[in-house]
Amino acid sequence: MTQPAPSRVVRPLRRGQLTIPVEFRRHLGIDENTLLQLTLREDRIEITPVIASPAKGSAWLRELYDLFAPVRQDAENLAEAEVDALMNDAIEEVRAERR
């Protein structure tokens, strides 16, 4: 007899962020350095860990990930509200330049 697939109900946070249950992350090998691909399939969201490996034809993905390393390091010491405020300021600056 086949066991049902593991399933959990989670609530999105204010900005749409989700917490992936720890047992799912462990099973899939997802950590803070893992990139995730989200695919919309009709009325479902499919989340797949992305392996950034030149051998898999995704050297550009690793290069992009490495390019943003300083940004990730700077953001590690910021609270979510601080990151949100910085992003909002940057968006407003770009909008002001376009006016």
PDB file of N, CA and C in Angstrom:
ATOM      1  N   MET A   1       0.831  -1.173   0.000  1.00  0.00           N
ATOM      2  CA  MET A   1       0.000   0.000   0.000  1.00  0.00           C
ATOM      3  C   MET A   1       0.882   1.245   0.000  1.00  0.00           C
ATOM      4  N   THR A   2       0.588   2.198  -0.860  1.00  0.00           N
ATOM      5  CA  THR A   2       1.354   3.417  -0.991  1.00  0.00           C
ATOM      6  C   THR A   2       0.932   4.437   0.051  1.00  0.00           C
ATOM      7  N   GLN A   3       1.929   5.044   0.717  1.00  0.00           N
ATOM      8  CA  GLN A   3       1.634   6.069   1.705  1.00  0.00           C
ATOM      9  C   GLN A   3       1.349   7.393   0.999  1.00  0.00           C
ATOM     10  N   PRO A   4       0.459   8.200   1.572  1.00  0.00           N
ATOM     11  CA  PRO A   4       0.201   9.509   0.958  1.00  0.00           C
ATOM     12  C   PRO A   4       1.434  10.403   1.042  1.00  0.00           C
ATOM     13  N   ALA A   5       1.573  11.290   0.081  1.00  0.00           N
ATOM     14  CA  ALA A   5       2.703  12.222   0.070  1.00  0.00           C
ATOM     15  C   ALA A   5       2.612  13.150   1.281  1.00  0.00           C
ATOM     16  N   PRO A   6       3.756  13.507   1.864  1.00  0.00           N
ATOM     17  CA  PRO A   6       3.727  14.442   2.993  1.00  0.00           C
ATOM     18  C   PRO A   6       3.069  15.758   2.576  1.00  0.00           C
ATOM     19  N   SER A   7       2.294  16.329   3.458  1.00  0.00           N
ATOM     20  CA  SER A   7       1.571  17.561   3.155  1.00  0.00           C
ATOM     21  C   SER A   7       1.513  18.420   4.410  1.00  0.00           C
ATOM     22  N   ARG A   8       1.649  19.725   4.258  1.00  0.00           N
ATOM     23  CA  ARG A   8       1.555  20.660   5.377  1.00  0.00           C
ATOM     24  C   ARG A   8       0.779  21.884   4.912  1.00  0.00           C
ATOM     25  N   VAL A   9       0.084  22.512   5.821  1.00  0.00           N
ATOM     26  CA  VAL A   9      -0.600  23.771   5.546  1.00  0.00           C
ATOM     27  C   VAL A   9       0.232  24.876   6.186  1.00  0.00           C
ATOM     28  N   VAL A  10       0.588  25.898   5.394  1.00  0.00           N
ATOM     29  CA  VAL A  10       1.357  27.026   5.908  1.00  0.00           C
ATOM     30  C   VAL A  10       0.635  28.316   5.535  1.00  0.00           C
ATOM     31  N   ARG A  11       0.899  29.362   6.295  1.00  0.00           N
ATOM     32  CA  ARG A  11       0.272  30.654   6.036  1.00  0.00           C
ATOM     33  C   ARG A  11       1.338  31.601   5.480  1.00  0.00           C
ATOM     34  N   PRO A  12       1.044  32.253   4.345  1.00  0.00           N
ATOM     35  CA  PRO A  12       1.996  33.239   3.830  1.00  0.00           C
ATOM     36  C   PRO A  12       2.067  34.454   4.751  1.00  0.00           C
ATOM     37  N   LEU A  13       3.255  35.024   4.858  1.00  0.00           N
ATOM     38  CA  LEU A  13       3.445  36.244   5.630  1.00  0.00           C
ATOM     39  C   LEU A  13       2.962  37.438   4.814  1.00  0.00           C
ATOM     40  N   ARG A  14       3.035  38.607   5.417  1.00  0.00           N
ATOM     41  CA  ARG A  14       2.503  39.838   4.825  1.00  0.00           C
ATOM     42  C   ARG A  14       2.976  40.063   3.387  1.00  0.00           C
ATOM     43  N   ARG A  15       4.205  39.810   3.091  1.00  0.00           N
ATOM     44  CA  ARG A  15       4.750  40.037   1.748  1.00  0.00           C
ATOM     45  C   ARG A  15       4.789  38.757   0.910  1.00  0.00           C
ATOM     46  N   GLY A  16       4.004  37.759   1.293  1.00  0.00           N
ATOM     47  CA  GLY A  16       3.926  36.539   0.507  1.00  0.00           C
ATOM     48  C   GLY A  16       4.990  35.507   0.808  1.00  0.00           C
ATOM     49  N   GLN A  17       5.808  35.745   1.812  1.00  0.00           N
ATOM     50  CA  GLN A  17       6.859  34.792   2.155  1.00  0.00           C
ATOM     51  C   GLN A  17       6.252  33.554   2.802  1.00  0.00           C
ATOM     52  N   LEU A  18       6.870  32.410   2.497  1.00  0.00           N
ATOM     53  CA  LEU A  18       6.434  31.133   3.057  1.00  0.00           C
ATOM     54  C   LEU A  18       7.581  30.483   3.803  1.00  0.00           C
ATOM     55  N   THR A  19       7.255  29.709   4.812  1.00  0.00           N
ATOM     56  CA  THR A  19       8.248  28.891   5.488  1.00  0.00           C
ATOM     57  C   THR A  19       8.064  27.460   5.017  1.00  0.00           C
ATOM     58  N   ILE A  20       9.127  26.901   4.455  1.00  0.00           N
ATOM     59  CA  ILE A  20       9.085  25.505   4.022  1.00  0.00           C
ATOM     60  C   ILE A  20       9.410  24.664   5.256  1.00  0.00           C
ATOM     61  N   PRO A  21       8.548  23.719   5.611  1.00  0.00           N
ATOM     62  CA  PRO A  21       8.788  22.907   6.816  1.00  0.00           C
ATOM     63  C   PRO A  21      10.175  22.246   6.785  1.00  0.00           C
ATOM     64  N   VAL A  22      10.788  22.180   7.953  1.00  0.00           N
ATOM     65  CA  VAL A  22      12.155  21.687   8.080  1.00  0.00           C
ATOM     66  C   VAL A  22      12.317  20.278   7.498  1.00  0.00           C
ATOM     67  N   GLU A  23      11.333  19.415   7.706  1.00  0.00           N
ATOM     68  CA  GLU A  23      11.488  18.056   7.178  1.00  0.00           C
ATOM     69  C   GLU A  23      11.497  18.039   5.654  1.00  0.00           C
ATOM     70  N   PHE A  24      10.791  18.964   5.024  1.00  0.00           N
ATOM     71  CA  PHE A  24      10.806  19.066   3.563  1.00  0.00           C
ATOM     72  C   PHE A  24      12.180  19.569   3.103  1.00  0.00           C
ATOM     73  N   ARG A  25      12.697  20.625   3.803  1.00  0.00           N
ATOM     74  CA  ARG A  25      14.008  21.176   3.437  1.00  0.00           C
ATOM     75  C   ARG A  25      15.098  20.124   3.578  1.00  0.00           C
ATOM     76  N   ARG A  26      15.060  19.380   4.668  1.00  0.00           N
ATOM     77  CA  ARG A  26      16.080  18.326   4.871  1.00  0.00           C
ATOM     78  C   ARG A  26      16.001  17.273   3.777  1.00  0.00           C
ATOM     79  N   HIS A  27      14.791  16.836   3.470  1.00  0.00           N
ATOM     80  CA  HIS A  27      14.599  15.797   2.454  1.00  0.00           C
ATOM     81  C   HIS A  27      15.134  16.238   1.085  1.00  0.00           C
ATOM     82  N   LEU A  28      14.939  17.530   0.758  1.00  0.00           N
ATOM     83  CA  LEU A  28      15.345  18.041  -0.551  1.00  0.00           C
ATOM     84  C   LEU A  28      16.729  18.682  -0.550  1.00  0.00           C
ATOM     85  N   GLY A  29      17.365  18.752   0.638  1.00  0.00           N
ATOM     86  CA  GLY A  29      18.691  19.356   0.718  1.00  0.00           C
ATOM     87  C   GLY A  29      18.668  20.866   0.517  1.00  0.00           C
ATOM     88  N   ILE A  30      17.598  21.518   0.919  1.00  0.00           N
ATOM     89  CA  ILE A  30      17.467  22.969   0.766  1.00  0.00           C
ATOM     90  C   ILE A  30      18.085  23.655   1.975  1.00  0.00           C
ATOM     91  N   ASP A  31      19.008  24.601   1.709  1.00  0.00           N
ATOM     92  CA  ASP A  31      19.575  25.415   2.787  1.00  0.00           C
ATOM     93  C   ASP A  31      19.517  26.878   2.355  1.00  0.00           C
ATOM     94  N   GLU A  32      20.168  27.765   3.128  1.00  0.00           N
ATOM     95  CA  GLU A  32      20.077  29.199   2.842  1.00  0.00           C
ATOM     96  C   GLU A  32      20.750  29.592   1.528  1.00  0.00           C
ATOM     97  N   ASN A  33      21.543  28.700   0.937  1.00  0.00           N
ATOM     98  CA  ASN A  33      22.204  28.983  -0.335  1.00  0.00           C
ATOM     99  C   ASN A  33      21.490  28.367  -1.533  1.00  0.00           C
ATOM    100  N   THR A  34      20.398  27.671  -1.288  1.00  0.00           N
ATOM    101  CA  THR A  34      19.676  26.998  -2.368  1.00  0.00           C
ATOM    102  C   THR A  34      18.784  27.986  -3.105  1.00  0.00           C
ATOM    103  N   LEU A  35      18.850  27.952  -4.418  1.00  0.00           N
ATOM    104  CA  LEU A  35      17.916  28.722  -5.244  1.00  0.00           C
ATOM    105  C   LEU A  35      16.705  27.838  -5.501  1.00  0.00           C
ATOM    106  N   LEU A  36      15.531  28.466  -5.569  1.00  0.00           N
ATOM    107  CA  LEU A  36      14.301  27.719  -5.811  1.00  0.00           C
ATOM    108  C   LEU A  36      13.609  28.241  -7.064  1.00  0.00           C
ATOM    109  N   GLN A  37      13.131  27.332  -7.885  1.00  0.00           N
ATOM    110  CA  GLN A  37      12.361  27.699  -9.071  1.00  0.00           C
ATOM    111  C   GLN A  37      10.895  27.484  -8.751  1.00  0.00           C
ATOM    112  N   LEU A  38      10.068  28.513  -8.944  1.00  0.00           N
ATOM    113  CA  LEU A  38       8.626  28.410  -8.729  1.00  0.00           C
ATOM    114  C   LEU A  38       7.949  28.360 -10.084  1.00  0.00           C
ATOM    115  N   THR A  39       7.071  27.376 -10.276  1.00  0.00           N
ATOM    116  CA  THR A  39       6.348  27.211 -11.524  1.00  0.00           C
ATOM    117  C   THR A  39       4.861  27.182 -11.225  1.00  0.00           C
ATOM    118  N   LEU A  40       4.097  27.996 -11.938  1.00  0.00           N
ATOM    119  CA  LEU A  40       2.646  28.010 -11.780  1.00  0.00           C
ATOM    120  C   LEU A  40       2.057  26.988 -12.745  1.00  0.00           C
ATOM    121  N   ARG A  41       1.388  25.987 -12.196  1.00  0.00           N
ATOM    122  CA  ARG A  41       0.747  24.937 -13.002  1.00  0.00           C
ATOM    123  C   ARG A  41      -0.738  24.944 -12.679  1.00  0.00           C
ATOM    124  N   GLU A  42      -1.490  25.596 -13.562  1.00  0.00           N
ATOM    125  CA  GLU A  42      -2.930  25.784 -13.374  1.00  0.00           C
ATOM    126  C   GLU A  42      -3.196  26.424 -12.021  1.00  0.00           C
ATOM    127  N   ASP A  43      -3.704  25.687 -11.042  1.00  0.00           N
ATOM    128  CA  ASP A  43      -4.023  26.284  -9.738  1.00  0.00           C
ATOM    129  C   ASP A  43      -3.064  25.822  -8.646  1.00  0.00           C
ATOM    130  N   ARG A  44      -1.830  25.444  -9.026  1.00  0.00           N
ATOM    131  CA  ARG A  44      -0.832  24.975  -8.064  1.00  0.00           C
ATOM    132  C   ARG A  44       0.500  25.666  -8.300  1.00  0.00           C
ATOM    133  N   ILE A  45       1.278  25.795  -7.230  1.00  0.00           N
ATOM    134  CA  ILE A  45       2.642  26.295  -7.338  1.00  0.00           C
ATOM    135  C   ILE A  45       3.581  25.117  -7.096  1.00  0.00           C
ATOM    136  N   GLU A  46       4.466  24.885  -8.031  1.00  0.00           N
ATOM    137  CA  GLU A  46       5.471  23.817  -7.913  1.00  0.00           C
ATOM    138  C   GLU A  46       6.794  24.471  -7.560  1.00  0.00           C
ATOM    139  N   ILE A  47       7.437  24.016  -6.487  1.00  0.00           N
ATOM    140  CA  ILE A  47       8.711  24.573  -6.040  1.00  0.00           C
ATOM    141  C   ILE A  47       9.783  23.504  -6.208  1.00  0.00           C
ATOM    142  N   THR A  48      10.837  23.852  -6.958  1.00  0.00           N
ATOM    143  CA  THR A  48      11.901  22.899  -7.247  1.00  0.00           C
ATOM    144  C   THR A  48      13.256  23.504  -6.907  1.00  0.00           C
ATOM    145  N   PRO A  49      14.089  22.824  -6.100  1.00  0.00           N
ATOM    146  CA  PRO A  49      15.443  23.326  -5.858  1.00  0.00           C
ATOM    147  C   PRO A  49      16.219  23.360  -7.176  1.00  0.00           C
ATOM    148  N   VAL A  50      16.994  24.416  -7.367  1.00  0.00           N
ATOM    149  CA  VAL A  50      17.790  24.579  -8.573  1.00  0.00           C
ATOM    150  C   VAL A  50      19.247  24.316  -8.217  1.00  0.00           C
ATOM    151  N   ILE A  51      19.867  23.457  -8.966  1.00  0.00           N
ATOM    152  CA  ILE A  51      21.283  23.168  -8.774  1.00  0.00           C
ATOM    153  C   ILE A  51      22.063  24.047  -9.744  1.00  0.00           C
ATOM    154  N   ALA A  52      22.810  25.018  -9.208  1.00  0.00           N
ATOM    155  CA  ALA A  52      23.602  25.910 -10.052  1.00  0.00           C
ATOM    156  C   ALA A  52      24.948  25.257 -10.305  1.00  0.00           C
ATOM    157  N   SER A  53      25.020  24.543 -11.408  1.00  0.00           N
ATOM    158  CA  SER A  53      26.229  23.799 -11.725  1.00  0.00           C
ATOM    159  C   SER A  53      26.553  23.950 -13.207  1.00  0.00           C
ATOM    160  N   PRO A  54      27.781  24.361 -13.538  1.00  0.00           N
ATOM    161  CA  PRO A  54      28.152  24.459 -14.948  1.00  0.00           C
ATOM    162  C   PRO A  54      27.960  23.150 -15.694  1.00  0.00           C
ATOM    163  N   ALA A  55      28.123  22.036 -15.010  1.00  0.00           N
ATOM    164  CA  ALA A  55      27.950  20.733 -15.655  1.00  0.00           C
ATOM    165  C   ALA A  55      26.505  20.531 -16.103  1.00  0.00           C
ATOM    166  N   LYS A  56      25.570  21.199 -15.455  1.00  0.00           N
ATOM    167  CA  LYS A  56      24.158  21.075 -15.817  1.00  0.00           C
ATOM    168  C   LYS A  56      23.741  22.169 -16.796  1.00  0.00           C
ATOM    169  N   GLY A  57      24.699  22.960 -17.317  1.00  0.00           N
ATOM    170  CA  GLY A  57      24.367  23.987 -18.286  1.00  0.00           C
ATOM    171  C   GLY A  57      23.865  25.277 -17.660  1.00  0.00           C
ATOM    172  N   SER A  58      24.110  25.492 -16.370  1.00  0.00           N
ATOM    173  CA  SER A  58      23.606  26.701 -15.726  1.00  0.00           C
ATOM    174  C   SER A  58      24.743  27.548 -15.149  1.00  0.00           C
ATOM    175  N   ALA A  59      25.823  27.689 -15.894  1.00  0.00           N
ATOM    176  CA  ALA A  59      26.950  28.501 -15.429  1.00  0.00           C
ATOM    177  C   ALA A  59      26.514  29.941 -15.213  1.00  0.00           C
ATOM    178  N   TRP A  60      25.595  30.427 -16.052  1.00  0.00           N
ATOM    179  CA  TRP A  60      25.108  31.800 -15.911  1.00  0.00           C
ATOM    180  C   TRP A  60      24.395  31.991 -14.578  1.00  0.00           C
ATOM    181  N   LEU A  61      23.710  30.943 -14.105  1.00  0.00           N
ATOM    182  CA  LEU A  61      22.994  31.034 -12.840  1.00  0.00           C
ATOM    183  C   LEU A  61      23.991  31.155 -11.687  1.00  0.00           C
ATOM    184  N   ARG A  62      25.066  30.380 -11.711  1.00  0.00           N
ATOM    185  CA  ARG A  62      26.096  30.461 -10.679  1.00  0.00           C
ATOM    186  C   ARG A  62      26.764  31.830 -10.727  1.00  0.00           C
ATOM    187  N   GLU A  63      27.021  32.323 -11.947  1.00  0.00           N
ATOM    188  CA  GLU A  63      27.643  33.638 -12.091  1.00  0.00           C
ATOM    189  C   GLU A  63      26.746  34.732 -11.503  1.00  0.00           C
ATOM    190  N   LEU A  64      25.457  34.646 -11.769  1.00  0.00           N
ATOM    191  CA  LEU A  64      24.501  35.608 -11.216  1.00  0.00           C
ATOM    192  C   LEU A  64      24.448  35.500  -9.698  1.00  0.00           C
ATOM    193  N   TYR A  65      24.406  34.287  -9.187  1.00  0.00           N
ATOM    194  CA  TYR A  65      24.389  34.059  -7.742  1.00  0.00           C
ATOM    195  C   TYR A  65      25.640  34.655  -7.097  1.00  0.00           C
ATOM    196  N   ASP A  66      26.799  34.404  -7.692  1.00  0.00           N
ATOM    197  CA  ASP A  66      28.059  34.931  -7.166  1.00  0.00           C
ATOM    198  C   ASP A  66      28.109  36.459  -7.253  1.00  0.00           C
ATOM    199  N   LEU A  67      27.527  37.015  -8.311  1.00  0.00           N
ATOM    200  CA  LEU A  67      27.506  38.460  -8.486  1.00  0.00           C
ATOM    201  C   LEU A  67      26.775  39.148  -7.333  1.00  0.00           C
ATOM    202  N   PHE A  68      25.734  38.513  -6.809  1.00  0.00           N
ATOM    203  CA  PHE A  68      24.948  39.100  -5.736  1.00  0.00           C
ATOM    204  C   PHE A  68      25.448  38.711  -4.341  1.00  0.00           C
ATOM    205  N   ALA A  69      26.581  38.042  -4.246  1.00  0.00           N
ATOM    206  CA  ALA A  69      27.123  37.639  -2.940  1.00  0.00           C
ATOM    207  C   ALA A  69      27.318  38.832  -2.003  1.00  0.00           C
ATOM    208  N   PRO A  70      27.875  39.954  -2.473  1.00  0.00           N
ATOM    209  CA  PRO A  70      28.037  41.095  -1.553  1.00  0.00           C
ATOM    210  C   PRO A  70      26.690  41.622  -1.039  1.00  0.00           C
ATOM    211  N   VAL A  71      25.688  41.605  -1.868  1.00  0.00           N
ATOM    212  CA  VAL A  71      24.366  42.075  -1.456  1.00  0.00           C
ATOM    213  C   VAL A  71      23.805  41.154  -0.381  1.00  0.00           C
ATOM    214  N   ARG A  72      23.943  39.847  -0.582  1.00  0.00           N
ATOM    215  CA  ARG A  72      23.460  38.894   0.423  1.00  0.00           C
ATOM    216  C   ARG A  72      24.194  39.080   1.744  1.00  0.00           C
ATOM    217  N   GLN A  73      25.503  39.293   1.679  1.00  0.00           N
ATOM    218  CA  GLN A  73      26.284  39.477   2.901  1.00  0.00           C
ATOM    219  C   GLN A  73      25.858  40.745   3.634  1.00  0.00           C
ATOM    220  N   ASP A  74      25.641  41.834   2.901  1.00  0.00           N
ATOM    221  CA  ASP A  74      25.199  43.083   3.531  1.00  0.00           C
ATOM    222  C   ASP A  74      23.826  42.918   4.166  1.00  0.00           C
ATOM    223  N   ALA A  75      22.953  42.177   3.515  1.00  0.00           N
ATOM    224  CA  ALA A  75      21.576  42.027   3.992  1.00  0.00           C
ATOM    225  C   ALA A  75      21.466  41.090   5.201  1.00  0.00           C
ATOM    226  N   GLU A  76      22.467  40.260   5.429  1.00  0.00           N
ATOM    227  CA  GLU A  76      22.416  39.315   6.550  1.00  0.00           C
ATOM    228  C   GLU A  76      22.233  40.010   7.889  1.00  0.00           C
ATOM    229  N   ASN A  77      22.780  41.219   8.035  1.00  0.00           N
ATOM    230  CA  ASN A  77      22.739  41.931   9.306  1.00  0.00           C
ATOM    231  C   ASN A  77      21.571  42.907   9.414  1.00  0.00           C
ATOM    232  N   LEU A  78      20.689  42.906   8.421  1.00  0.00           N
ATOM    233  CA  LEU A  78      19.557  43.825   8.421  1.00  0.00           C
ATOM    234  C   LEU A  78      18.270  43.101   8.806  1.00  0.00           C
ATOM    235  N   ALA A  79      17.421  43.809   9.496  1.00  0.00           N
ATOM    236  CA  ALA A  79      16.095  43.277   9.803  1.00  0.00           C
ATOM    237  C   ALA A  79      15.245  43.366   8.539  1.00  0.00           C
ATOM    238  N   GLU A  80      14.194  42.568   8.474  1.00  0.00           N
ATOM    239  CA  GLU A  80      13.314  42.565   7.299  1.00  0.00           C
ATOM    240  C   GLU A  80      12.762  43.965   7.024  1.00  0.00           C
ATOM    241  N   ALA A  81      12.395  44.694   8.071  1.00  0.00           N
ATOM    242  CA  ALA A  81      11.843  46.042   7.905  1.00  0.00           C
ATOM    243  C   ALA A  81      12.881  46.982   7.276  1.00  0.00           C
ATOM    244  N   GLU A  82      14.155  46.805   7.635  1.00  0.00           N
ATOM    245  CA  GLU A  82      15.212  47.638   7.060  1.00  0.00           C
ATOM    246  C   GLU A  82      15.397  47.335   5.570  1.00  0.00           C
ATOM    247  N   VAL A  83      15.367  46.064   5.219  1.00  0.00           N
ATOM    248  CA  VAL A  83      15.482  45.669   3.807  1.00  0.00           C
ATOM    249  C   VAL A  83      14.300  46.232   3.027  1.00  0.00           C
ATOM    250  N   ASP A  84      13.098  46.096   3.580  1.00  0.00           N
ATOM    251  CA  ASP A  84      11.899  46.630   2.915  1.00  0.00           C
ATOM    252  C   ASP A  84      12.026  48.134   2.697  1.00  0.00           C
ATOM    253  N   ALA A  85      12.490  48.866   3.712  1.00  0.00           N
ATOM    254  CA  ALA A  85      12.629  50.316   3.604  1.00  0.00           C
ATOM    255  C   ALA A  85      13.655  50.691   2.526  1.00  0.00           C
ATOM    256  N   LEU A  86      14.785  49.981   2.486  1.00  0.00           N
ATOM    257  CA  LEU A  86      15.799  50.251   1.469  1.00  0.00           C
ATOM    258  C   LEU A  86      15.261  49.975   0.064  1.00  0.00           C
ATOM    259  N   MET A  87      14.511  48.893  -0.078  1.00  0.00           N
ATOM    260  CA  MET A  87      13.932  48.571  -1.379  1.00  0.00           C
ATOM    261  C   MET A  87      12.919  49.634  -1.792  1.00  0.00           C
ATOM    262  N   ASN A  88      12.081  50.065  -0.863  1.00  0.00           N
ATOM    263  CA  ASN A  88      11.089  51.097  -1.164  1.00  0.00           C
ATOM    264  C   ASN A  88      11.775  52.404  -1.561  1.00  0.00           C
ATOM    265  N   ASP A  89      12.854  52.764  -0.868  1.00  0.00           N
ATOM    266  CA  ASP A  89      13.600  53.979  -1.208  1.00  0.00           C
ATOM    267  C   ASP A  89      14.179  53.882  -2.622  1.00  0.00           C
ATOM    268  N   ALA A  90      14.742  52.726  -2.954  1.00  0.00           N
ATOM    269  CA  ALA A  90      15.329  52.531  -4.285  1.00  0.00           C
ATOM    270  C   ALA A  90      14.263  52.610  -5.367  1.00  0.00           C
ATOM    271  N   ILE A  91      13.116  52.024  -5.117  1.00  0.00           N
ATOM    272  CA  ILE A  91      12.014  52.064  -6.094  1.00  0.00           C
ATOM    273  C   ILE A  91      11.553  53.498  -6.301  1.00  0.00           C
ATOM    274  N   GLU A  92      11.395  54.240  -5.205  1.00  0.00           N
ATOM    275  CA  GLU A  92      10.968  55.639  -5.302  1.00  0.00           C
ATOM    276  C   GLU A  92      11.992  56.480  -6.059  1.00  0.00           C
ATOM    277  N   GLU A  93      13.270  56.206  -5.850  1.00  0.00           N
ATOM    278  CA  GLU A  93      14.327  56.937  -6.549  1.00  0.00           C
ATOM    279  C   GLU A  93      14.236  56.706  -8.057  1.00  0.00           C
ATOM    280  N   VAL A  94      14.029  55.464  -8.461  1.00  0.00           N
ATOM    281  CA  VAL A  94      13.906  55.145  -9.886  1.00  0.00           C
ATOM    282  C   VAL A  94      12.655  55.798 -10.468  1.00  0.00           C
ATOM    283  N   ARG A  95      11.559  55.746  -9.752  1.00  0.00           N
ATOM    284  CA  ARG A  95      10.310  56.375 -10.223  1.00  0.00           C
ATOM    285  C   ARG A  95      10.487  57.885 -10.378  1.00  0.00           C
ATOM    286  N   ALA A  96      11.188  58.499  -9.431  1.00  0.00           N
ATOM    287  CA  ALA A  96      11.406  59.950  -9.499  1.00  0.00           C
ATOM    288  C   ALA A  96      12.241  60.313 -10.715  1.00  0.00           C
ATOM    289  N   GLU A  97      13.230  59.501 -11.044  1.00  0.00           N
ATOM    290  CA  GLU A  97      14.076  59.757 -12.220  1.00  0.00           C
ATOM    291  C   GLU A  97      13.267  59.641 -13.510  1.00  0.00           C
ATOM    292  N   ARG A  98      12.258  58.809 -13.545  1.00  0.00           N
ATOM    293  CA  ARG A  98      11.449  58.600 -14.755  1.00  0.00           C
ATOM    294  C   ARG A  98      10.390  59.677 -14.945  1.00  0.00           C
ATOM    295  N   ARG A  99      10.121  60.449 -13.906  1.00  0.00           N
ATOM    296  CA  ARG A  99       9.071  61.488 -14.004  1.00  0.00           C
ATOM    297  C   ARG A  99       9.541  62.673 -14.775  1.00  0.00           C
TER     298      ARG A  99
END
